Amino acid sequence: MAKSPVAITAALALVSSFLTMSVKGMSDHVPPAACTSMTPQHEADPQTSTPPYVLKVPAGSIPVDSVINVVVSGVDPSIMFKGFFIKGFNDATGQPTGMFTDAPKTMDCDSTADGATHADAQLKESVVLAWKPPTGFQGSVTFMATIVMERPIFWTGVVSDSITFA
């Protein structure tokens, strides 16, 4: 039995809507493949200019087992962003460490909630994330992020100052 042109058009529209959803679906998450590379799957290269974004962490020595806030923002409040992916790294080993306890979304890359990311593609002026080191950790940590201004414009390797837990 031959399909009517209306049925074929409806089927194509349905398939097209599913394809659109799958392509745009990353606007509310970071794919697991980005855990290691920290690079979005945007089919574009990262920007090579100085990032217009900063990661702010507390200065000075922080007491062991303290939860800290990490702020993702533009260098100027008018510089907004749509997405981000951030992890903390042990300065001594270079390995991911700690966990985000308050974030729009967390990811389990190497351990529970060791990555934090956006939950939507709305423009953001800043995001405050709560992070805690492993119990009893003494040492220094640096945060690294990929920040997406808008698809496909993004910067990788945005780093914080080092923070010491003692």
N, C-alpha and C. Protein backbone atom coordinates (compact mmCIF):
# COMPACT_ATOMS: atom_id res chain seq x y z
N MET A 1 0.84 -1.18 0.00
CA MET A 1 0.00 0.00 0.00
C MET A 1 0.88 1.24 0.00
N ALA A 2 0.61 2.16 -0.91
CA ALA A 2 1.41 3.37 -1.06
C ALA A 2 1.06 4.37 0.04
N LYS A 3 2.09 5.06 0.50
CA LYS A 3 1.89 6.09 1.53
C LYS A 3 1.45 7.37 0.84
N SER A 4 0.55 8.10 1.50
CA SER A 4 0.11 9.37 0.94
C SER A 4 1.19 10.43 1.18
N PRO A 5 1.21 11.46 0.33
CA PRO A 5 2.19 12.54 0.52
C PRO A 5 2.07 13.19 1.91
N VAL A 6 0.87 13.27 2.44
CA VAL A 6 0.66 13.86 3.77
C VAL A 6 1.32 12.98 4.83
N ALA A 7 1.18 11.66 4.73
CA ALA A 7 1.78 10.74 5.70
C ALA A 7 3.30 10.80 5.62
N ILE A 8 3.84 10.87 4.40
CA ILE A 8 5.30 10.95 4.24
C ILE A 8 5.82 12.26 4.81
N THR A 9 5.13 13.36 4.54
CA THR A 9 5.53 14.67 5.06
C THR A 9 5.49 14.66 6.59
N ALA A 10 4.45 14.07 7.17
CA ALA A 10 4.34 14.00 8.62
C ALA A 10 5.47 13.16 9.22
N ALA A 11 5.78 12.04 8.57
CA ALA A 11 6.87 11.18 9.06
C ALA A 11 8.21 11.92 8.98
N LEU A 12 8.45 12.61 7.88
CA LEU A 12 9.70 13.37 7.75
C LEU A 12 9.79 14.48 8.79
N ALA A 13 8.68 15.14 9.07
CA ALA A 13 8.67 16.19 10.09
C ALA A 13 8.99 15.61 11.46
N LEU A 14 8.44 14.43 11.75
CA LEU A 14 8.70 13.78 13.04
C LEU A 14 10.17 13.39 13.17
N VAL A 15 10.74 12.79 12.12
CA VAL A 15 12.15 12.41 12.15
C VAL A 15 13.02 13.66 12.28
N SER A 16 12.68 14.71 11.56
CA SER A 16 13.45 15.96 11.62
C SER A 16 13.42 16.55 13.03
N SER A 17 12.28 16.47 13.70
CA SER A 17 12.21 17.03 15.06
C SER A 17 13.08 16.22 16.02
N PHE A 18 13.15 14.90 15.84
CA PHE A 18 14.02 14.08 16.69
C PHE A 18 15.49 14.41 16.44
N LEU A 19 15.86 14.61 15.16
CA LEU A 19 17.24 14.97 14.85
C LEU A 19 17.60 16.32 15.44
N THR A 20 16.68 17.28 15.35
CA THR A 20 16.93 18.60 15.93
C THR A 20 17.11 18.50 17.42
N MET A 21 16.28 17.71 18.10
CA MET A 21 16.40 17.56 19.54
C MET A 21 17.75 16.93 19.90
N SER A 22 18.21 15.95 19.13
CA SER A 22 19.46 15.31 19.49
C SER A 22 20.65 16.24 19.26
N VAL A 23 20.60 17.09 18.25
CA VAL A 23 21.68 18.02 18.00
C VAL A 23 21.69 19.14 19.04
N LYS A 24 20.53 19.65 19.38
CA LYS A 24 20.46 20.74 20.33
C LYS A 24 20.44 20.25 21.77
N GLY A 25 20.36 18.96 21.97
CA GLY A 25 20.25 18.40 23.31
C GLY A 25 21.42 18.72 24.22
N MET A 26 22.61 19.01 23.67
CA MET A 26 23.76 19.29 24.50
C MET A 26 23.71 20.66 25.15
N SER A 27 22.70 21.46 24.83
CA SER A 27 22.62 22.78 25.43
C SER A 27 22.31 22.70 26.92
N ASP A 28 21.91 21.52 27.38
CA ASP A 28 21.61 21.38 28.81
C ASP A 28 22.51 20.38 29.51
N HIS A 29 23.60 19.97 28.84
CA HIS A 29 24.51 19.04 29.50
C HIS A 29 25.84 18.95 28.75
N VAL A 30 26.77 18.32 29.38
CA VAL A 30 28.07 18.03 28.78
C VAL A 30 28.10 16.53 28.51
N PRO A 31 28.48 16.11 27.30
CA PRO A 31 28.50 14.68 27.03
C PRO A 31 29.62 13.99 27.83
N PRO A 32 29.41 12.74 28.25
CA PRO A 32 30.43 12.03 29.02
C PRO A 32 31.79 11.98 28.33
N ALA A 33 31.82 12.01 27.00
CA ALA A 33 33.09 11.98 26.28
C ALA A 33 33.96 13.19 26.60
N ALA A 34 33.35 14.26 27.10
CA ALA A 34 34.10 15.48 27.42
C ALA A 34 34.79 15.39 28.78
N CYS A 35 34.52 14.34 29.56
CA CYS A 35 35.15 14.20 30.88
C CYS A 35 36.67 14.28 30.80
N THR A 36 37.26 13.62 29.84
CA THR A 36 38.72 13.58 29.73
C THR A 36 39.26 14.80 28.99
N SER A 37 38.70 15.11 27.86
CA SER A 37 39.23 16.20 27.03
C SER A 37 38.78 17.58 27.51
N MET A 38 37.67 17.63 28.23
CA MET A 38 37.05 18.87 28.66
C MET A 38 36.73 19.78 27.47
N THR A 39 36.48 19.16 26.33
CA THR A 39 36.17 19.89 25.11
C THR A 39 34.76 19.56 24.66
N PRO A 40 33.94 20.58 24.40
CA PRO A 40 32.57 20.30 23.93
C PRO A 40 32.59 19.64 22.56
N GLN A 41 31.55 18.95 22.27
CA GLN A 41 31.42 18.27 20.98
C GLN A 41 30.69 19.20 20.01
N HIS A 42 31.24 20.39 19.78
CA HIS A 42 30.60 21.42 18.96
C HIS A 42 31.08 21.42 17.52
N GLU A 43 31.94 20.50 17.16
CA GLU A 43 32.48 20.45 15.80
C GLU A 43 33.14 21.77 15.44
N ALA A 44 33.81 22.38 16.44
CA ALA A 44 34.55 23.62 16.23
C ALA A 44 35.77 23.58 17.13
N ASP A 45 36.76 24.37 16.80
CA ASP A 45 37.97 24.45 17.61
C ASP A 45 37.80 25.51 18.69
N PRO A 46 38.50 25.32 19.82
CA PRO A 46 38.42 26.35 20.86
C PRO A 46 39.07 27.65 20.39
N GLN A 47 38.64 28.73 21.00
CA GLN A 47 39.24 30.03 20.71
C GLN A 47 40.69 30.03 21.19
N THR A 48 41.55 30.78 20.54
CA THR A 48 42.95 30.84 20.94
C THR A 48 43.30 32.16 21.62
N SER A 49 42.36 33.07 21.66
CA SER A 49 42.59 34.36 22.33
C SER A 49 42.50 34.17 23.84
N THR A 50 42.92 35.19 24.58
CA THR A 50 42.81 35.16 26.04
C THR A 50 41.33 35.04 26.40
N PRO A 51 40.98 34.09 27.28
CA PRO A 51 39.56 33.92 27.63
C PRO A 51 38.98 35.16 28.30
N PRO A 52 37.76 35.53 27.94
CA PRO A 52 37.11 36.66 28.60
C PRO A 52 36.41 36.24 29.91
N TYR A 53 36.82 35.09 30.45
CA TYR A 53 36.20 34.53 31.65
C TYR A 53 37.24 34.27 32.72
N VAL A 54 36.78 34.22 33.97
CA VAL A 54 37.66 33.93 35.11
C VAL A 54 36.99 32.92 36.04
N LEU A 55 37.84 32.22 36.77
CA LEU A 55 37.39 31.33 37.85
C LEU A 55 37.93 31.94 39.13
N LYS A 56 37.03 32.34 40.02
CA LYS A 56 37.44 32.98 41.27
C LYS A 56 37.32 31.98 42.42
N VAL A 57 38.40 31.91 43.22
CA VAL A 57 38.44 31.03 44.39
C VAL A 57 38.92 31.86 45.58
N PRO A 58 38.68 31.38 46.81
CA PRO A 58 39.17 32.12 47.98
C PRO A 58 40.70 32.21 47.97
N ALA A 59 41.20 33.32 48.48
CA ALA A 59 42.66 33.51 48.56
C ALA A 59 43.16 33.03 49.92
N GLY A 60 44.44 32.73 49.98
CA GLY A 60 45.05 32.34 51.24
C GLY A 60 44.87 30.86 51.53
N SER A 61 45.29 30.47 52.71
CA SER A 61 45.20 29.07 53.14
C SER A 61 43.80 28.79 53.68
N ILE A 62 43.24 27.68 53.27
CA ILE A 62 41.88 27.29 53.66
C ILE A 62 41.98 26.11 54.63
N PRO A 63 41.18 26.12 55.71
CA PRO A 63 41.23 24.98 56.63
C PRO A 63 40.84 23.66 55.95
N VAL A 64 41.52 22.58 56.33
CA VAL A 64 41.23 21.24 55.81
C VAL A 64 39.74 20.94 55.98
N ASP A 65 39.16 20.26 55.01
CA ASP A 65 37.76 19.83 55.00
C ASP A 65 36.76 20.97 54.82
N SER A 66 37.22 22.16 54.46
CA SER A 66 36.31 23.28 54.22
C SER A 66 35.67 23.18 52.84
N VAL A 67 34.39 23.54 52.77
CA VAL A 67 33.71 23.67 51.49
C VAL A 67 33.97 25.09 51.01
N ILE A 68 34.35 25.23 49.75
CA ILE A 68 34.63 26.56 49.20
C ILE A 68 33.68 26.86 48.05
N ASN A 69 33.58 28.14 47.69
CA ASN A 69 32.83 28.56 46.51
C ASN A 69 33.80 28.86 45.38
N VAL A 70 33.45 28.37 44.22
CA VAL A 70 34.18 28.67 42.99
C VAL A 70 33.20 29.45 42.12
N VAL A 71 33.62 30.63 41.66
CA VAL A 71 32.74 31.47 40.86
C VAL A 71 33.23 31.48 39.41
N VAL A 72 32.32 31.19 38.50
CA VAL A 72 32.59 31.27 37.06
C VAL A 72 31.93 32.56 36.59
N SER A 73 32.70 33.45 35.96
CA SER A 73 32.12 34.71 35.48
C SER A 73 32.96 35.29 34.36
N GLY A 74 32.41 36.31 33.71
CA GLY A 74 33.17 37.05 32.72
C GLY A 74 34.13 38.00 33.44
N VAL A 75 35.16 38.42 32.73
CA VAL A 75 36.08 39.39 33.33
C VAL A 75 35.36 40.72 33.55
N ASP A 76 34.27 40.90 32.85
CA ASP A 76 33.40 42.07 32.97
C ASP A 76 31.98 41.52 33.07
N PRO A 77 31.12 42.10 33.93
CA PRO A 77 29.75 41.57 34.07
C PRO A 77 28.94 41.51 32.77
N SER A 78 29.32 42.31 31.77
CA SER A 78 28.57 42.30 30.52
C SER A 78 28.92 41.10 29.64
N ILE A 79 29.99 40.38 29.99
CA ILE A 79 30.42 39.23 29.20
C ILE A 79 29.76 37.98 29.78
N MET A 80 28.73 37.53 29.12
CA MET A 80 27.95 36.41 29.63
C MET A 80 28.36 35.12 28.93
N PHE A 81 27.83 34.01 29.42
CA PHE A 81 28.14 32.71 28.84
C PHE A 81 26.91 31.82 28.92
N LYS A 82 26.91 30.79 28.11
CA LYS A 82 25.79 29.86 28.08
C LYS A 82 26.10 28.53 28.74
N GLY A 83 27.36 28.11 28.68
CA GLY A 83 27.69 26.79 29.23
C GLY A 83 29.07 26.77 29.84
N PHE A 84 29.29 25.75 30.67
CA PHE A 84 30.60 25.57 31.29
C PHE A 84 30.75 24.13 31.74
N PHE A 85 32.00 23.73 31.91
CA PHE A 85 32.35 22.44 32.49
C PHE A 85 33.61 22.66 33.29
N ILE A 86 33.61 22.28 34.56
CA ILE A 86 34.72 22.58 35.46
C ILE A 86 35.05 21.38 36.33
N LYS A 87 36.35 21.25 36.62
CA LYS A 87 36.84 20.20 37.52
C LYS A 87 37.96 20.77 38.37
N GLY A 88 38.15 20.21 39.57
CA GLY A 88 39.27 20.57 40.42
C GLY A 88 40.39 19.55 40.23
N PHE A 89 41.66 20.02 40.23
CA PHE A 89 42.80 19.14 40.04
C PHE A 89 43.80 19.30 41.16
N ASN A 90 44.26 18.18 41.69
CA ASN A 90 45.30 18.16 42.71
C ASN A 90 46.58 18.65 42.05
N ASP A 91 47.15 19.73 42.58
CA ASP A 91 48.36 20.29 41.97
C ASP A 91 49.54 19.32 42.03
N ALA A 92 49.62 18.48 43.05
CA ALA A 92 50.76 17.56 43.20
C ALA A 92 50.71 16.41 42.20
N THR A 93 49.49 15.95 41.87
CA THR A 93 49.38 14.77 41.00
C THR A 93 48.83 15.10 39.61
N GLY A 94 48.17 16.24 39.48
CA GLY A 94 47.53 16.58 38.21
C GLY A 94 46.22 15.83 37.98
N GLN A 95 45.79 15.06 38.96
CA GLN A 95 44.58 14.25 38.84
C GLN A 95 43.35 15.00 39.35
N PRO A 96 42.17 14.73 38.77
CA PRO A 96 40.95 15.34 39.29
C PRO A 96 40.75 14.94 40.75
N THR A 97 40.19 15.86 41.52
CA THR A 97 39.98 15.59 42.95
C THR A 97 38.78 16.35 43.45
N GLY A 98 38.27 15.93 44.59
CA GLY A 98 37.16 16.62 45.24
C GLY A 98 35.84 16.41 44.55
N MET A 99 34.82 17.08 45.09
CA MET A 99 33.48 16.95 44.51
C MET A 99 32.69 18.24 44.67
N PHE A 100 31.82 18.49 43.70
CA PHE A 100 30.93 19.64 43.76
C PHE A 100 29.70 19.23 44.56
N THR A 101 29.40 20.05 45.57
CA THR A 101 28.25 19.74 46.43
C THR A 101 27.04 20.60 46.09
N ASP A 102 27.25 21.66 45.33
CA ASP A 102 26.14 22.50 44.89
C ASP A 102 26.51 23.07 43.53
N ALA A 103 25.79 22.65 42.51
CA ALA A 103 26.03 23.07 41.13
C ALA A 103 24.75 22.84 40.34
N PRO A 104 24.58 23.55 39.22
CA PRO A 104 23.38 23.29 38.41
C PRO A 104 23.26 21.81 38.05
N LYS A 105 24.39 21.19 37.69
CA LYS A 105 24.46 19.75 37.40
C LYS A 105 25.85 19.28 37.73
N THR A 106 25.95 18.04 38.21
CA THR A 106 27.28 17.46 38.42
C THR A 106 27.45 16.27 37.49
N MET A 107 28.71 15.91 37.28
CA MET A 107 29.03 14.75 36.46
C MET A 107 29.98 13.85 37.23
N ASP A 108 29.82 12.57 37.06
CA ASP A 108 30.72 11.59 37.63
C ASP A 108 31.70 11.18 36.54
N CYS A 109 32.86 11.83 36.52
CA CYS A 109 33.87 11.51 35.50
C CYS A 109 34.83 10.46 36.04
N ASP A 110 35.69 10.86 36.98
CA ASP A 110 36.63 9.92 37.60
C ASP A 110 36.12 9.47 38.96
N SER A 111 35.27 10.27 39.58
CA SER A 111 34.65 9.92 40.85
C SER A 111 33.33 10.69 40.97
N THR A 112 32.62 10.47 42.04
CA THR A 112 31.30 11.07 42.21
C THR A 112 31.37 12.59 42.21
N ALA A 113 30.59 13.21 41.34
CA ALA A 113 30.40 14.67 41.28
C ALA A 113 31.71 15.43 41.16
N ASP A 114 32.71 14.88 40.49
CA ASP A 114 33.98 15.60 40.36
C ASP A 114 33.96 16.64 39.24
N GLY A 115 32.89 16.68 38.46
CA GLY A 115 32.71 17.71 37.44
C GLY A 115 31.41 18.45 37.67
N ALA A 116 31.38 19.71 37.28
CA ALA A 116 30.14 20.51 37.37
C ALA A 116 29.90 21.17 36.02
N THR A 117 28.63 21.30 35.68
CA THR A 117 28.26 21.84 34.38
C THR A 117 26.94 22.61 34.46
N HIS A 118 26.61 23.23 33.34
CA HIS A 118 25.36 23.98 33.23
C HIS A 118 24.17 23.03 33.11
N ALA A 119 22.99 23.55 33.39
CA ALA A 119 21.77 22.76 33.28
C ALA A 119 20.87 23.27 32.15
N ASP A 120 21.22 24.40 31.57
CA ASP A 120 20.45 24.97 30.47
C ASP A 120 21.36 25.88 29.65
N ALA A 121 20.87 26.37 28.54
CA ALA A 121 21.68 27.22 27.66
C ALA A 121 21.30 28.70 27.80
N GLN A 122 20.67 29.06 28.91
CA GLN A 122 20.34 30.47 29.14
C GLN A 122 21.63 31.26 29.39
N LEU A 123 21.63 32.52 29.02
CA LEU A 123 22.79 33.36 29.29
C LEU A 123 22.98 33.52 30.79
N LYS A 124 24.24 33.44 31.22
CA LYS A 124 24.58 33.54 32.63
C LYS A 124 25.62 34.64 32.82
N GLU A 125 25.45 35.44 33.85
CA GLU A 125 26.45 36.45 34.20
C GLU A 125 27.53 35.81 35.05
N SER A 126 27.10 34.94 35.96
CA SER A 126 28.04 34.20 36.81
C SER A 126 27.32 33.00 37.40
N VAL A 127 28.12 32.05 37.87
CA VAL A 127 27.60 30.87 38.54
C VAL A 127 28.49 30.62 39.76
N VAL A 128 27.87 30.36 40.90
CA VAL A 128 28.61 30.04 42.12
C VAL A 128 28.44 28.55 42.39
N LEU A 129 29.57 27.85 42.52
CA LEU A 129 29.58 26.41 42.73
C LEU A 129 30.22 26.10 44.07
N ALA A 130 29.64 25.20 44.83
CA ALA A 130 30.25 24.76 46.09
C ALA A 130 31.04 23.49 45.82
N TRP A 131 32.27 23.44 46.35
CA TRP A 131 33.17 22.31 46.11
C TRP A 131 33.87 21.95 47.41
N LYS A 132 34.08 20.65 47.61
CA LYS A 132 34.82 20.23 48.80
C LYS A 132 35.92 19.24 48.41
N PRO A 133 37.06 19.34 49.12
CA PRO A 133 38.16 18.42 48.85
C PRO A 133 37.88 17.07 49.48
N PRO A 134 38.65 16.06 49.14
CA PRO A 134 38.50 14.76 49.82
C PRO A 134 38.76 14.95 51.32
N THR A 135 38.12 14.15 52.14
CA THR A 135 38.28 14.24 53.59
C THR A 135 39.76 14.16 53.97
N GLY A 136 40.18 15.14 54.78
CA GLY A 136 41.55 15.17 55.27
C GLY A 136 42.58 15.66 54.27
N PHE A 137 42.16 16.07 53.09
CA PHE A 137 43.11 16.50 52.06
C PHE A 137 43.91 17.72 52.51
N GLN A 138 45.21 17.63 52.37
CA GLN A 138 46.11 18.76 52.59
C GLN A 138 46.94 18.91 51.34
N GLY A 139 46.92 20.07 50.77
CA GLY A 139 47.64 20.33 49.54
C GLY A 139 46.95 21.43 48.77
N SER A 140 47.33 21.58 47.51
CA SER A 140 46.75 22.65 46.71
C SER A 140 45.96 22.09 45.53
N VAL A 141 44.98 22.88 45.12
CA VAL A 141 44.06 22.51 44.05
C VAL A 141 43.93 23.69 43.09
N THR A 142 43.86 23.38 41.82
CA THR A 142 43.57 24.38 40.80
C THR A 142 42.35 23.91 40.03
N PHE A 143 41.46 24.82 39.71
CA PHE A 143 40.27 24.48 38.93
C PHE A 143 40.51 24.83 37.47
N MET A 144 40.01 23.98 36.59
CA MET A 144 40.11 24.21 35.16
C MET A 144 38.73 24.07 34.55
N ALA A 145 38.44 24.97 33.61
CA ALA A 145 37.11 24.97 33.00
C ALA A 145 37.18 25.19 31.50
N THR A 146 36.12 24.75 30.86
CA THR A 146 35.81 25.11 29.49
C THR A 146 34.55 25.94 29.58
N ILE A 147 34.55 27.10 28.93
CA ILE A 147 33.40 28.00 29.03
C ILE A 147 32.92 28.33 27.61
N VAL A 148 31.61 28.17 27.42
CA VAL A 148 30.99 28.38 26.11
C VAL A 148 30.26 29.72 26.12
N MET A 149 30.73 30.63 25.27
CA MET A 149 30.04 31.91 25.12
C MET A 149 28.71 31.66 24.40
N GLU A 150 28.82 31.03 23.27
CA GLU A 150 27.67 30.58 22.49
C GLU A 150 28.19 29.57 21.50
N ARG A 151 27.35 28.68 21.14
CA ARG A 151 27.77 27.64 20.22
C ARG A 151 28.14 28.27 18.90
N PRO A 152 29.28 28.09 18.32
CA PRO A 152 30.39 27.21 18.65
C PRO A 152 31.59 27.94 19.29
N ILE A 153 31.36 29.08 19.92
CA ILE A 153 32.47 29.87 20.47
C ILE A 153 32.73 29.48 21.92
N PHE A 154 33.93 28.89 22.17
CA PHE A 154 34.25 28.45 23.52
C PHE A 154 35.75 28.52 23.77
N TRP A 155 36.11 28.57 25.05
CA TRP A 155 37.51 28.60 25.48
C TRP A 155 37.76 27.40 26.38
N THR A 156 38.87 26.74 26.19
CA THR A 156 39.30 25.65 27.06
C THR A 156 40.45 26.15 27.92
N GLY A 157 40.77 25.42 28.97
CA GLY A 157 41.93 25.75 29.79
C GLY A 157 41.80 27.03 30.59
N VAL A 158 40.59 27.42 30.93
CA VAL A 158 40.40 28.58 31.82
C VAL A 158 40.75 28.08 33.22
N VAL A 159 41.75 28.67 33.87
CA VAL A 159 42.22 28.16 35.15
C VAL A 159 42.08 29.18 36.27
N SER A 160 41.92 28.66 37.47
CA SER A 160 41.85 29.49 38.67
C SER A 160 43.23 29.67 39.25
N ASP A 161 43.33 30.53 40.24
CA ASP A 161 44.52 30.56 41.06
C ASP A 161 44.53 29.25 41.85
N SER A 162 45.69 28.86 42.31
CA SER A 162 45.81 27.67 43.14
C SER A 162 45.30 27.99 44.54
N ILE A 163 44.63 27.05 45.16
CA ILE A 163 44.10 27.23 46.50
C ILE A 163 44.71 26.14 47.39
N THR A 164 45.15 26.52 48.59
CA THR A 164 45.82 25.57 49.46
C THR A 164 44.96 25.23 50.67
N PHE A 165 44.83 23.93 50.92
CA PHE A 165 44.14 23.43 52.11
C PHE A 165 45.21 22.97 53.10
N ALA A 166 45.21 23.60 54.29
CA ALA A 166 46.21 23.25 55.30
C ALA A 166 45.61 23.27 56.70
